[in-house]
Amino acid sequence: MSLNAILDRCRPAPLARYILFRTFDDKWEEPGHGEYYGVIDLGLARTPQTLLAYDMNGQPLPTDFGAPLRLRLESQLGYKMVKWIRSMELIASYDDIGAGYGGWRADLLHYGRLAPI
């Protein structure tokens, strides 16, 4: 399903600039690693290549592939494609989430804020 279609129904507030994805990923259980999360900006969220996957080949999405819901960003590197999504939240800033880099991997591994291919 297109993430843009969902955003059209939600009608984000004017201050919303990003979507925060929180997950069921268990990496956060490792001491000092914090909650696994990802953030994308609304511009990227509205591109036709940005999808939320809940099925695969006509069947429910398998857990190994990110069930119950997976973010697919076909114009970004794979680490931005958040798996096991448990919630999505429209936010104005992510400076106070995790270490403020916009995702668990970026916080710990110091990846750049954008990862276009």
PDB file of N, CA and C in Angstrom:
ATOM      1  N   MET A   1       0.841  -1.169   0.000  1.00  0.00           N
ATOM      2  CA  MET A   1       0.000   0.000   0.000  1.00  0.00           C
ATOM      3  C   MET A   1       0.894   1.242   0.000  1.00  0.00           C
ATOM      4  N   SER A   2       0.520   2.227  -0.756  1.00  0.00           N
ATOM      5  CA  SER A   2       1.263   3.480  -0.817  1.00  0.00           C
ATOM      6  C   SER A   2       1.158   4.238   0.512  1.00  0.00           C
ATOM      7  N   LEU A   3       2.291   4.647   1.046  1.00  0.00           N
ATOM      8  CA  LEU A   3       2.275   5.442   2.271  1.00  0.00           C
ATOM      9  C   LEU A   3       1.615   6.792   2.007  1.00  0.00           C
ATOM     10  N   ASN A   4       1.758   7.294   0.796  1.00  0.00           N
ATOM     11  CA  ASN A   4       1.131   8.559   0.425  1.00  0.00           C
ATOM     12  C   ASN A   4      -0.391   8.491   0.580  1.00  0.00           C
ATOM     13  N   ALA A   5      -0.998   7.360   0.212  1.00  0.00           N
ATOM     14  CA  ALA A   5      -2.456   7.205   0.341  1.00  0.00           C
ATOM     15  C   ALA A   5      -2.886   7.293   1.807  1.00  0.00           C
ATOM     16  N   ILE A   6      -2.095   6.716   2.689  1.00  0.00           N
ATOM     17  CA  ILE A   6      -2.408   6.787   4.122  1.00  0.00           C
ATOM     18  C   ILE A   6      -2.267   8.227   4.615  1.00  0.00           C
ATOM     19  N   LEU A   7      -1.206   8.910   4.185  1.00  0.00           N
ATOM     20  CA  LEU A   7      -1.009  10.304   4.602  1.00  0.00           C
ATOM     21  C   LEU A   7      -2.143  11.200   4.112  1.00  0.00           C
ATOM     22  N   ASP A   8      -2.651  10.937   2.910  1.00  0.00           N
ATOM     23  CA  ASP A   8      -3.780  11.727   2.406  1.00  0.00           C
ATOM     24  C   ASP A   8      -4.993  11.579   3.311  1.00  0.00           C
ATOM     25  N   ARG A   9      -5.201  10.397   3.851  1.00  0.00           N
ATOM     26  CA  ARG A   9      -6.333  10.168   4.754  1.00  0.00           C
ATOM     27  C   ARG A   9      -6.099  10.791   6.124  1.00  0.00           C
ATOM     28  N   CYS A  10      -4.847  10.798   6.581  1.00  0.00           N
ATOM     29  CA  CYS A  10      -4.526  11.332   7.914  1.00  0.00           C
ATOM     30  C   CYS A  10      -4.473  12.854   7.941  1.00  0.00           C
ATOM     31  N   ARG A  11      -4.133  13.459   6.840  1.00  0.00           N
ATOM     32  CA  ARG A  11      -3.972  14.909   6.738  1.00  0.00           C
ATOM     33  C   ARG A  11      -3.070  15.440   7.854  1.00  0.00           C
ATOM     34  N   PRO A  12      -1.753  15.240   7.721  1.00  0.00           N
ATOM     35  CA  PRO A  12      -0.802  15.684   8.761  1.00  0.00           C
ATOM     36  C   PRO A  12      -0.948  17.166   9.099  1.00  0.00           C
ATOM     37  N   ALA A  13      -0.727  17.478  10.359  1.00  0.00           N
ATOM     38  CA  ALA A  13      -0.730  18.875  10.808  1.00  0.00           C
ATOM     39  C   ALA A  13       0.397  19.626  10.106  1.00  0.00           C
ATOM     40  N   PRO A  14       0.272  20.933   9.963  1.00  0.00           N
ATOM     41  CA  PRO A  14       1.301  21.712   9.266  1.00  0.00           C
ATOM     42  C   PRO A  14       2.709  21.570   9.852  1.00  0.00           C
ATOM     43  N   LEU A  15       2.831  21.338  11.145  1.00  0.00           N
ATOM     44  CA  LEU A  15       4.154  21.214  11.762  1.00  0.00           C
ATOM     45  C   LEU A  15       4.809  19.851  11.528  1.00  0.00           C
ATOM     46  N   ALA A  16       4.036  18.871  11.081  1.00  0.00           N
ATOM     47  CA  ALA A  16       4.591  17.526  10.859  1.00  0.00           C
ATOM     48  C   ALA A  16       5.550  17.552   9.680  1.00  0.00           C
ATOM     49  N   ARG A  17       6.770  17.053   9.914  1.00  0.00           N
ATOM     50  CA  ARG A  17       7.781  17.007   8.860  1.00  0.00           C
ATOM     51  C   ARG A  17       8.350  15.612   8.644  1.00  0.00           C
ATOM     52  N   TYR A  18       8.105  14.707   9.604  1.00  0.00           N
ATOM     53  CA  TYR A  18       8.688  13.369   9.553  1.00  0.00           C
ATOM     54  C   TYR A  18       7.673  12.341  10.030  1.00  0.00           C
ATOM     55  N   ILE A  19       7.968  11.069   9.698  1.00  0.00           N
ATOM     56  CA  ILE A  19       7.215   9.946  10.264  1.00  0.00           C
ATOM     57  C   ILE A  19       8.194   9.108  11.074  1.00  0.00           C
ATOM     58  N   LEU A  20       7.837   8.859  12.321  1.00  0.00           N
ATOM     59  CA  LEU A  20       8.612   8.014  13.224  1.00  0.00           C
ATOM     60  C   LEU A  20       7.990   6.626  13.210  1.00  0.00           C
ATOM     61  N   PHE A  21       8.803   5.616  12.923  1.00  0.00           N
ATOM     62  CA  PHE A  21       8.365   4.220  12.929  1.00  0.00           C
ATOM     63  C   PHE A  21       8.988   3.544  14.136  1.00  0.00           C
ATOM     64  N   ARG A  22       8.169   3.011  15.022  1.00  0.00           N
ATOM     65  CA  ARG A  22       8.647   2.225  16.166  1.00  0.00           C
ATOM     66  C   ARG A  22       8.388   0.760  15.834  1.00  0.00           C
ATOM     67  N   THR A  23       9.242  -0.121  16.323  1.00  0.00           N
ATOM     68  CA  THR A  23       9.172  -1.509  15.891  1.00  0.00           C
ATOM     69  C   THR A  23       9.085  -2.502  17.046  1.00  0.00           C
ATOM     70  N   PHE A  24       8.840  -3.740  16.670  1.00  0.00           N
ATOM     71  CA  PHE A  24       8.888  -4.855  17.601  1.00  0.00           C
ATOM     72  C   PHE A  24      10.286  -5.468  17.638  1.00  0.00           C
ATOM     73  N   ASP A  25      11.248  -4.901  16.922  1.00  0.00           N
ATOM     74  CA  ASP A  25      12.607  -5.447  16.834  1.00  0.00           C
ATOM     75  C   ASP A  25      13.216  -5.559  18.218  1.00  0.00           C
ATOM     76  N   ASP A  26      13.889  -6.666  18.498  1.00  0.00           N
ATOM     77  CA  ASP A  26      14.428  -6.896  19.838  1.00  0.00           C
ATOM     78  C   ASP A  26      15.846  -6.372  20.044  1.00  0.00           C
ATOM     79  N   LYS A  27      16.422  -5.670  19.053  1.00  0.00           N
ATOM     80  CA  LYS A  27      17.766  -5.112  19.240  1.00  0.00           C
ATOM     81  C   LYS A  27      17.812  -4.142  20.420  1.00  0.00           C
ATOM     82  N   TRP A  28      16.676  -3.497  20.680  1.00  0.00           N
ATOM     83  CA  TRP A  28      16.633  -2.520  21.776  1.00  0.00           C
ATOM     84  C   TRP A  28      16.884  -3.176  23.126  1.00  0.00           C
ATOM     85  N   GLU A  29      16.712  -4.504  23.190  1.00  0.00           N
ATOM     86  CA  GLU A  29      16.919  -5.190  24.463  1.00  0.00           C
ATOM     87  C   GLU A  29      18.395  -5.321  24.824  1.00  0.00           C
ATOM     88  N   GLU A  30      19.290  -5.077  23.877  1.00  0.00           N
ATOM     89  CA  GLU A  30      20.719  -5.132  24.161  1.00  0.00           C
ATOM     90  C   GLU A  30      21.094  -3.904  24.990  1.00  0.00           C
ATOM     91  N   PRO A  31      21.808  -4.088  26.077  1.00  0.00           N
ATOM     92  CA  PRO A  31      22.150  -2.959  26.948  1.00  0.00           C
ATOM     93  C   PRO A  31      22.814  -1.807  26.182  1.00  0.00           C
ATOM     94  N   GLY A  32      22.316  -0.612  26.430  1.00  0.00           N
ATOM     95  CA  GLY A  32      22.902   0.584  25.843  1.00  0.00           C
ATOM     96  C   GLY A  32      22.527   0.861  24.407  1.00  0.00           C
ATOM     97  N   HIS A  33      21.642   0.052  23.827  1.00  0.00           N
ATOM     98  CA  HIS A  33      21.316   0.236  22.416  1.00  0.00           C
ATOM     99  C   HIS A  33      20.002   0.949  22.158  1.00  0.00           C
ATOM    100  N   GLY A  34      19.201   1.154  23.152  1.00  0.00           N
ATOM    101  CA  GLY A  34      17.955   1.891  22.978  1.00  0.00           C
ATOM    102  C   GLY A  34      16.946   1.183  22.086  1.00  0.00           C
ATOM    103  N   GLU A  35      15.818   1.811  21.899  1.00  0.00           N
ATOM    104  CA  GLU A  35      14.717   1.272  21.101  1.00  0.00           C
ATOM    105  C   GLU A  35      15.056   1.311  19.612  1.00  0.00           C
ATOM    106  N   TYR A  36      14.670   0.277  18.877  1.00  0.00           N
ATOM    107  CA  TYR A  36      14.858   0.284  17.424  1.00  0.00           C
ATOM    108  C   TYR A  36      13.755   1.130  16.805  1.00  0.00           C
ATOM    109  N   TYR A  37      14.153   2.102  15.999  1.00  0.00           N
ATOM    110  CA  TYR A  37      13.198   2.996  15.353  1.00  0.00           C
ATOM    111  C   TYR A  37      13.793   3.506  14.047  1.00  0.00           C
ATOM    112  N   GLY A  38      12.963   4.105  13.224  1.00  0.00           N
ATOM    113  CA  GLY A  38      13.411   4.746  12.001  1.00  0.00           C
ATOM    114  C   GLY A  38      12.570   5.975  11.740  1.00  0.00           C
ATOM    115  N   VAL A  39      13.142   6.940  11.038  1.00  0.00           N
ATOM    116  CA  VAL A  39      12.451   8.182  10.701  1.00  0.00           C
ATOM    117  C   VAL A  39      12.677   8.475   9.226  1.00  0.00           C
ATOM    118  N   ILE A  40      11.618   8.898   8.539  1.00  0.00           N
ATOM    119  CA  ILE A  40      11.760   9.400   7.173  1.00  0.00           C
ATOM    120  C   ILE A  40      11.025  10.731   7.080  1.00  0.00           C
ATOM    121  N   ASP A  41      11.458  11.579   6.157  1.00  0.00           N
ATOM    122  CA  ASP A  41      10.767  12.864   6.003  1.00  0.00           C
ATOM    123  C   ASP A  41       9.528  12.676   5.131  1.00  0.00           C
ATOM    124  N   LEU A  42       8.592  13.607   5.252  1.00  0.00           N
ATOM    125  CA  LEU A  42       7.323  13.479   4.543  1.00  0.00           C
ATOM    126  C   LEU A  42       7.487  13.541   3.034  1.00  0.00           C
ATOM    127  N   GLY A  43       8.502  14.250   2.547  1.00  0.00           N
ATOM    128  CA  GLY A  43       8.756  14.275   1.107  1.00  0.00           C
ATOM    129  C   GLY A  43       9.033  12.881   0.578  1.00  0.00           C
ATOM    130  N   LEU A  44       9.908  12.147   1.260  1.00  0.00           N
ATOM    131  CA  LEU A  44      10.217  10.772   0.876  1.00  0.00           C
ATOM    132  C   LEU A  44       8.997   9.866   1.069  1.00  0.00           C
ATOM    133  N   ALA A  45       8.254  10.103   2.131  1.00  0.00           N
ATOM    134  CA  ALA A  45       7.065   9.291   2.407  1.00  0.00           C
ATOM    135  C   ALA A  45       6.033   9.397   1.292  1.00  0.00           C
ATOM    136  N   ARG A  46       6.004  10.530   0.616  1.00  0.00           N
ATOM    137  CA  ARG A  46       4.985  10.765  -0.409  1.00  0.00           C
ATOM    138  C   ARG A  46       5.418  10.324  -1.810  1.00  0.00           C
ATOM    139  N   THR A  47       6.624   9.830  -1.982  1.00  0.00           N
ATOM    140  CA  THR A  47       7.042   9.379  -3.314  1.00  0.00           C
ATOM    141  C   THR A  47       6.334   8.068  -3.670  1.00  0.00           C
ATOM    142  N   PRO A  48       6.127   7.816  -4.963  1.00  0.00           N
ATOM    143  CA  PRO A  48       5.422   6.591  -5.373  1.00  0.00           C
ATOM    144  C   PRO A  48       6.151   5.302  -4.990  1.00  0.00           C
ATOM    145  N   GLN A  49       7.454   5.372  -4.772  1.00  0.00           N
ATOM    146  CA  GLN A  49       8.241   4.184  -4.426  1.00  0.00           C
ATOM    147  C   GLN A  49       8.176   3.830  -2.949  1.00  0.00           C
ATOM    148  N   THR A  50       7.524   4.627  -2.133  1.00  0.00           N
ATOM    149  CA  THR A  50       7.460   4.373  -0.691  1.00  0.00           C
ATOM    150  C   THR A  50       6.175   3.627  -0.369  1.00  0.00           C
ATOM    151  N   LEU A  51       6.356   2.419   0.157  1.00  0.00           N
ATOM    152  CA  LEU A  51       5.227   1.525   0.389  1.00  0.00           C
ATOM    153  C   LEU A  51       5.242   0.967   1.801  1.00  0.00           C
ATOM    154  N   LEU A  52       4.079   0.558   2.271  1.00  0.00           N
ATOM    155  CA  LEU A  52       3.951  -0.241   3.482  1.00  0.00           C
ATOM    156  C   LEU A  52       3.513  -1.634   3.027  1.00  0.00           C
ATOM    157  N   ALA A  53       4.321  -2.626   3.326  1.00  0.00           N
ATOM    158  CA  ALA A  53       4.031  -3.998   2.893  1.00  0.00           C
ATOM    159  C   ALA A  53       3.450  -4.798   4.038  1.00  0.00           C
ATOM    160  N   TYR A  54       2.291  -5.388   3.812  1.00  0.00           N
ATOM    161  CA  TYR A  54       1.671  -6.274   4.785  1.00  0.00           C
ATOM    162  C   TYR A  54       1.438  -7.655   4.181  1.00  0.00           C
ATOM    163  N   ASP A  55       1.740  -7.780   2.869  1.00  0.00           N
ATOM    164  CA  ASP A  55       1.671  -9.087   2.241  1.00  0.00           C
ATOM    165  C   ASP A  55       2.815  -9.227   1.243  1.00  0.00           C
ATOM    166  N   MET A  56       3.005 -10.466   0.776  1.00  0.00           N
ATOM    167  CA  MET A  56       4.082 -10.762  -0.164  1.00  0.00           C
ATOM    168  C   MET A  56       3.606 -11.908  -1.051  1.00  0.00           C
ATOM    169  N   ASN A  57       3.574 -11.686  -2.344  1.00  0.00           N
ATOM    170  CA  ASN A  57       3.125 -12.699  -3.300  1.00  0.00           C
ATOM    171  C   ASN A  57       1.722 -13.227  -2.972  1.00  0.00           C
ATOM    172  N   GLY A  58       0.846 -12.311  -2.561  1.00  0.00           N
ATOM    173  CA  GLY A  58      -0.535 -12.675  -2.284  1.00  0.00           C
ATOM    174  C   GLY A  58      -0.784 -13.369  -0.950  1.00  0.00           C
ATOM    175  N   GLN A  59       0.237 -13.470  -0.131  1.00  0.00           N
ATOM    176  CA  GLN A  59       0.124 -14.119   1.181  1.00  0.00           C
ATOM    177  C   GLN A  59       0.509 -13.106   2.262  1.00  0.00           C
ATOM    178  N   PRO A  60       0.046 -13.300   3.507  1.00  0.00           N
ATOM    179  CA  PRO A  60       0.481 -12.402   4.586  1.00  0.00           C
ATOM    180  C   PRO A  60       2.008 -12.351   4.655  1.00  0.00           C
ATOM    181  N   LEU A  61       2.530 -11.195   4.948  1.00  0.00           N
ATOM    182  CA  LEU A  61       3.974 -11.006   5.040  1.00  0.00           C
ATOM    183  C   LEU A  61       4.552 -11.922   6.118  1.00  0.00           C
ATOM    184  N   PRO A  62       5.551 -12.751   5.772  1.00  0.00           N
ATOM    185  CA  PRO A  62       6.173 -13.617   6.780  1.00  0.00           C
ATOM    186  C   PRO A  62       6.961 -12.799   7.813  1.00  0.00           C
ATOM    187  N   THR A  63       7.047 -13.310   9.012  1.00  0.00           N
ATOM    188  CA  THR A  63       7.786 -12.640  10.082  1.00  0.00           C
ATOM    189  C   THR A  63       9.226 -12.361   9.679  1.00  0.00           C
ATOM    190  N   ASP A  64       9.884 -13.311   9.024  1.00  0.00           N
ATOM    191  CA  ASP A  64      11.278 -13.110   8.617  1.00  0.00           C
ATOM    192  C   ASP A  64      11.442 -11.933   7.665  1.00  0.00           C
ATOM    193  N   PHE A  65      10.383 -11.565   6.979  1.00  0.00           N
ATOM    194  CA  PHE A  65      10.435 -10.457   6.032  1.00  0.00           C
ATOM    195  C   PHE A  65       9.863  -9.165   6.612  1.00  0.00           C
ATOM    196  N   GLY A  66       9.480  -9.175   7.905  1.00  0.00           N
ATOM    197  CA  GLY A  66       9.085  -7.936   8.558  1.00  0.00           C
ATOM    198  C   GLY A  66       7.664  -7.826   9.038  1.00  0.00           C
ATOM    199  N   ALA A  67       6.899  -8.923   9.059  1.00  0.00           N
ATOM    200  CA  ALA A  67       5.506  -8.858   9.521  1.00  0.00           C
ATOM    201  C   ALA A  67       5.440  -8.321  10.952  1.00  0.00           C
ATOM    202  N   PRO A  68       4.421  -7.594  11.295  1.00  0.00           N
ATOM    203  CA  PRO A  68       3.164  -7.448  10.585  1.00  0.00           C
ATOM    204  C   PRO A  68       3.175  -6.395   9.481  1.00  0.00           C
ATOM    205  N   LEU A  69       4.131  -5.484   9.502  1.00  0.00           N
ATOM    206  CA  LEU A  69       4.164  -4.390   8.528  1.00  0.00           C
ATOM    207  C   LEU A  69       5.598  -3.962   8.310  1.00  0.00           C
ATOM    208  N   ARG A  70       5.939  -3.735   7.051  1.00  0.00           N
ATOM    209  CA  ARG A  70       7.305  -3.336   6.712  1.00  0.00           C
ATOM    210  C   ARG A  70       7.285  -2.112   5.808  1.00  0.00           C
ATOM    211  N   LEU A  71       8.170  -1.189   6.080  1.00  0.00           N
ATOM    212  CA  LEU A  71       8.355  -0.013   5.242  1.00  0.00           C
ATOM    213  C   LEU A  71       9.274  -0.388   4.085  1.00  0.00           C
ATOM    214  N   ARG A  72       8.864  -0.070   2.866  1.00  0.00           N
ATOM    215  CA  ARG A  72       9.694  -0.301   1.675  1.00  0.00           C
ATOM    216  C   ARG A  72      10.003   1.050   1.052  1.00  0.00           C
ATOM    217  N   LEU A  73      11.279   1.381   0.986  1.00  0.00           N
ATOM    218  CA  LEU A  73      11.754   2.627   0.382  1.00  0.00           C
ATOM    219  C   LEU A  73      12.637   2.252  -0.804  1.00  0.00           C
ATOM    220  N   GLU A  74      12.030   2.114  -1.944  1.00  0.00           N
ATOM    221  CA  GLU A  74      12.761   1.607  -3.099  1.00  0.00           C
ATOM    222  C   GLU A  74      13.824   2.571  -3.621  1.00  0.00           C
ATOM    223  N   SER A  75      13.830   3.810  -3.153  1.00  0.00           N
ATOM    224  CA  SER A  75      14.851   4.769  -3.571  1.00  0.00           C
ATOM    225  C   SER A  75      15.917   4.997  -2.495  1.00  0.00           C
ATOM    226  N   GLN A  76      15.937   4.150  -1.461  1.00  0.00           N
ATOM    227  CA  GLN A  76      16.880   4.299  -0.351  1.00  0.00           C
ATOM    228  C   GLN A  76      17.626   2.994  -0.121  1.00  0.00           C
ATOM    229  N   LEU A  77      18.730   3.075   0.612  1.00  0.00           N
ATOM    230  CA  LEU A  77      19.461   1.874   0.976  1.00  0.00           C
ATOM    231  C   LEU A  77      18.612   1.003   1.897  1.00  0.00           C
ATOM    232  N   GLY A  78      18.872  -0.294   1.918  1.00  0.00           N
ATOM    233  CA  GLY A  78      18.049  -1.258   2.631  1.00  0.00           C
ATOM    234  C   GLY A  78      17.878  -1.012   4.112  1.00  0.00           C
ATOM    235  N   TYR A  79      18.883  -0.420   4.774  1.00  0.00           N
ATOM    236  CA  TYR A  79      18.762  -0.265   6.228  1.00  0.00           C
ATOM    237  C   TYR A  79      17.670   0.716   6.624  1.00  0.00           C
ATOM    238  N   LYS A  80      17.154   1.499   5.693  1.00  0.00           N
ATOM    239  CA  LYS A  80      16.059   2.414   5.992  1.00  0.00           C
ATOM    240  C   LYS A  80      14.700   1.728   5.900  1.00  0.00           C
ATOM    241  N   MET A  81      14.661   0.483   5.416  1.00  0.00           N
ATOM    242  CA  MET A  81      13.400  -0.219   5.226  1.00  0.00           C
ATOM    243  C   MET A  81      13.007  -0.931   6.518  1.00  0.00           C
ATOM    244  N   VAL A  82      12.370  -0.208   7.405  1.00  0.00           N
ATOM    245  CA  VAL A  82      12.051  -0.670   8.754  1.00  0.00           C
ATOM    246  C   VAL A  82      11.123  -1.888   8.710  1.00  0.00           C
ATOM    247  N   LYS A  83      11.473  -2.922   9.471  1.00  0.00           N
ATOM    248  CA  LYS A  83      10.654  -4.129   9.593  1.00  0.00           C
ATOM    249  C   LYS A  83       9.938  -4.138  10.942  1.00  0.00           C
ATOM    250  N   TRP A  84       8.951  -4.997  11.040  1.00  0.00           N
ATOM    251  CA  TRP A  84       8.227  -5.272  12.288  1.00  0.00           C
ATOM    252  C   TRP A  84       7.632  -4.005  12.915  1.00  0.00           C
ATOM    253  N   ILE A  85       7.044  -3.161  12.083  1.00  0.00           N
ATOM    254  CA  ILE A  85       6.486  -1.884  12.553  1.00  0.00           C
ATOM    255  C   ILE A  85       5.333  -2.136  13.516  1.00  0.00           C
ATOM    256  N   ARG A  86       5.403  -1.454  14.676  1.00  0.00           N
ATOM    257  CA  ARG A  86       4.307  -1.530  15.649  1.00  0.00           C
ATOM    258  C   ARG A  86       3.533  -0.226  15.737  1.00  0.00           C
ATOM    259  N   SER A  87       4.175   0.912  15.340  1.00  0.00           N
ATOM    260  CA  SER A  87       3.449   2.181  15.343  1.00  0.00           C
ATOM    261  C   SER A  87       4.132   3.177  14.414  1.00  0.00           C
ATOM    262  N   MET A  88       3.330   4.147  13.975  1.00  0.00           N
ATOM    263  CA  MET A  88       3.827   5.259  13.155  1.00  0.00           C
ATOM    264  C   MET A  88       3.307   6.547  13.783  1.00  0.00           C
ATOM    265  N   GLU A  89       4.155   7.561  13.810  1.00  0.00           N
ATOM    266  CA  GLU A  89       3.768   8.826  14.427  1.00  0.00           C
ATOM    267  C   GLU A  89       4.304   9.976  13.581  1.00  0.00           C
ATOM    268  N   LEU A  90       3.456  10.942  13.290  1.00  0.00           N
ATOM    269  CA  LEU A  90       3.882  12.148  12.585  1.00  0.00           C
ATOM    270  C   LEU A  90       4.510  13.094  13.598  1.00  0.00           C
ATOM    271  N   ILE A  91       5.712  13.569  13.303  1.00  0.00           N
ATOM    272  CA  ILE A  91       6.450  14.412  14.247  1.00  0.00           C
ATOM    273  C   ILE A  91       7.041  15.632  13.535  1.00  0.00           C
ATOM    274  N   ALA A  92       7.334  16.662  14.297  1.00  0.00           N
ATOM    275  CA  ALA A  92       7.953  17.869  13.753  1.00  0.00           C
ATOM    276  C   ALA A  92       9.472  17.759  13.721  1.00  0.00           C
ATOM    277  N   SER A  93      10.053  16.997  14.660  1.00  0.00           N
ATOM    278  CA  SER A  93      11.501  16.879  14.787  1.00  0.00           C
ATOM    279  C   SER A  93      11.846  15.543  15.437  1.00  0.00           C
ATOM    280  N   TYR A  94      13.032  15.036  15.138  1.00  0.00           N
ATOM    281  CA  TYR A  94      13.494  13.810  15.798  1.00  0.00           C
ATOM    282  C   TYR A  94      14.758  14.061  16.612  1.00  0.00           C
ATOM    283  N   ASP A  95      15.068  15.311  16.872  1.00  0.00           N
ATOM    284  CA  ASP A  95      16.275  15.663  17.626  1.00  0.00           C
ATOM    285  C   ASP A  95      16.322  15.040  19.019  1.00  0.00           C
ATOM    286  N   ASP A  96      15.151  14.830  19.626  1.00  0.00           N
ATOM    287  CA  ASP A  96      15.131  14.286  20.989  1.00  0.00           C
ATOM    288  C   ASP A  96      14.749  12.805  21.025  1.00  0.00           C
ATOM    289  N   ILE A  97      14.798  12.133  19.876  1.00  0.00           N
ATOM    290  CA  ILE A  97      14.501  10.701  19.805  1.00  0.00           C
ATOM    291  C   ILE A  97      15.821   9.963  19.609  1.00  0.00           C
ATOM    292  N   GLY A  98      16.078   8.976  20.452  1.00  0.00           N
ATOM    293  CA  GLY A  98      17.363   8.274  20.391  1.00  0.00           C
ATOM    294  C   GLY A  98      18.502   9.277  20.542  1.00  0.00           C
ATOM    295  N   ALA A  99      19.517   9.159  19.693  1.00  0.00           N
ATOM    296  CA  ALA A  99      20.634  10.109  19.701  1.00  0.00           C
ATOM    297  C   ALA A  99      20.395  11.273  18.748  1.00  0.00           C
ATOM    298  N   GLY A 100      19.214  11.309  18.122  1.00  0.00           N
ATOM    299  CA  GLY A 100      18.854  12.440  17.278  1.00  0.00           C
ATOM    300  C   GLY A 100      19.297  12.356  15.829  1.00  0.00           C
ATOM    301  N   TYR A 101      19.692  11.158  15.366  1.00  0.00           N
ATOM    302  CA  TYR A 101      20.148  11.011  13.982  1.00  0.00           C
ATOM    303  C   TYR A 101      19.086  10.433  13.054  1.00  0.00           C
ATOM    304  N   GLY A 102      17.912  10.115  13.573  1.00  0.00           N
ATOM    305  CA  GLY A 102      16.823   9.668  12.730  1.00  0.00           C
ATOM    306  C   GLY A 102      16.674   8.178  12.559  1.00  0.00           C
ATOM    307  N   GLY A 103      17.352   7.402  13.371  1.00  0.00           N
ATOM    308  CA  GLY A 103      17.197   5.951  13.299  1.00  0.00           C
ATOM    309  C   GLY A 103      18.183   5.244  14.190  1.00  0.00           C
ATOM    310  N   TRP A 104      17.831   4.035  14.560  1.00  0.00           N
ATOM    311  CA  TRP A 104      18.676   3.235  15.451  1.00  0.00           C
ATOM    312  C   TRP A 104      20.059   3.036  14.856  1.00  0.00           C
ATOM    313  N   ARG A 105      20.138   2.635  13.605  1.00  0.00           N
ATOM    314  CA  ARG A 105      21.443   2.413  12.967  1.00  0.00           C
ATOM    315  C   ARG A 105      22.244   3.711  12.868  1.00  0.00           C
ATOM    316  N   ALA A 106      21.583   4.777  12.479  1.00  0.00           N
ATOM    317  CA  ALA A 106      22.278   6.064  12.369  1.00  0.00           C
ATOM    318  C   ALA A 106      22.804   6.512  13.729  1.00  0.00           C
ATOM    319  N   ASP A 107      22.030   6.277  14.783  1.00  0.00           N
ATOM    320  CA  ASP A 107      22.464   6.654  16.127  1.00  0.00           C
ATOM    321  C   ASP A 107      23.717   5.883  16.547  1.00  0.00           C
ATOM    322  N   LEU A 108      23.717   4.584  16.302  1.00  0.00           N
ATOM    323  CA  LEU A 108      24.809   3.732  16.788  1.00  0.00           C
ATOM    324  C   LEU A 108      25.975   3.621  15.824  1.00  0.00           C
ATOM    325  N   LEU A 109      25.695   3.665  14.536  1.00  0.00           N
ATOM    326  CA  LEU A 109      26.744   3.430  13.542  1.00  0.00           C
ATOM    327  C   LEU A 109      27.119   4.700  12.794  1.00  0.00           C
ATOM    328  N   HIS A 110      26.425   5.791  13.119  1.00  0.00           N
ATOM    329  CA  HIS A 110      26.750   7.116  12.582  1.00  0.00           C
ATOM    330  C   HIS A 110      26.615   7.207  11.068  1.00  0.00           C
ATOM    331  N   TYR A 111      25.574   6.551  10.519  1.00  0.00           N
ATOM    332  CA  TYR A 111      25.259   6.716   9.111  1.00  0.00           C
ATOM    333  C   TYR A 111      24.752   8.137   8.887  1.00  0.00           C
ATOM    334  N   GLY A 112      24.833   8.615   7.673  1.00  0.00           N
ATOM    335  CA  GLY A 112      24.303   9.931   7.342  1.00  0.00           C
ATOM    336  C   GLY A 112      22.801   9.952   7.462  1.00  0.00           C
ATOM    337  N   ARG A 113      22.229  11.136   7.490  1.00  0.00           N
ATOM    338  CA  ARG A 113      20.774  11.283   7.634  1.00  0.00           C
ATOM    339  C   ARG A 113      20.023  10.862   6.381  1.00  0.00           C
ATOM    340  N   LEU A 114      20.648  10.912   5.217  1.00  0.00           N
ATOM    341  CA  LEU A 114      20.022  10.490   3.978  1.00  0.00           C
ATOM    342  C   LEU A 114      20.817   9.340   3.391  1.00  0.00           C
ATOM    343  N   ALA A 115      20.118   8.440   2.732  1.00  0.00           N
ATOM    344  CA  ALA A 115      20.814   7.292   2.144  1.00  0.00           C
ATOM    345  C   ALA A 115      20.245   6.988   0.756  1.00  0.00           C
ATOM    346  N   PRO A 116      20.233   7.963  -0.151  1.00  0.00           N
ATOM    347  CA  PRO A 116      19.666   7.691  -1.484  1.00  0.00           C
ATOM    348  C   PRO A 116      20.575   6.762  -2.266  1.00  0.00           C
ATOM    349  N   ILE A 117      19.975   6.048  -3.213  1.00  0.00           N
ATOM    350  CA  ILE A 117      20.774   5.187  -4.086  1.00  0.00           C
ATOM    351  C   ILE A 117      20.755   5.758  -5.486  1.00  0.00           C
TER     352      ILE A 117
END
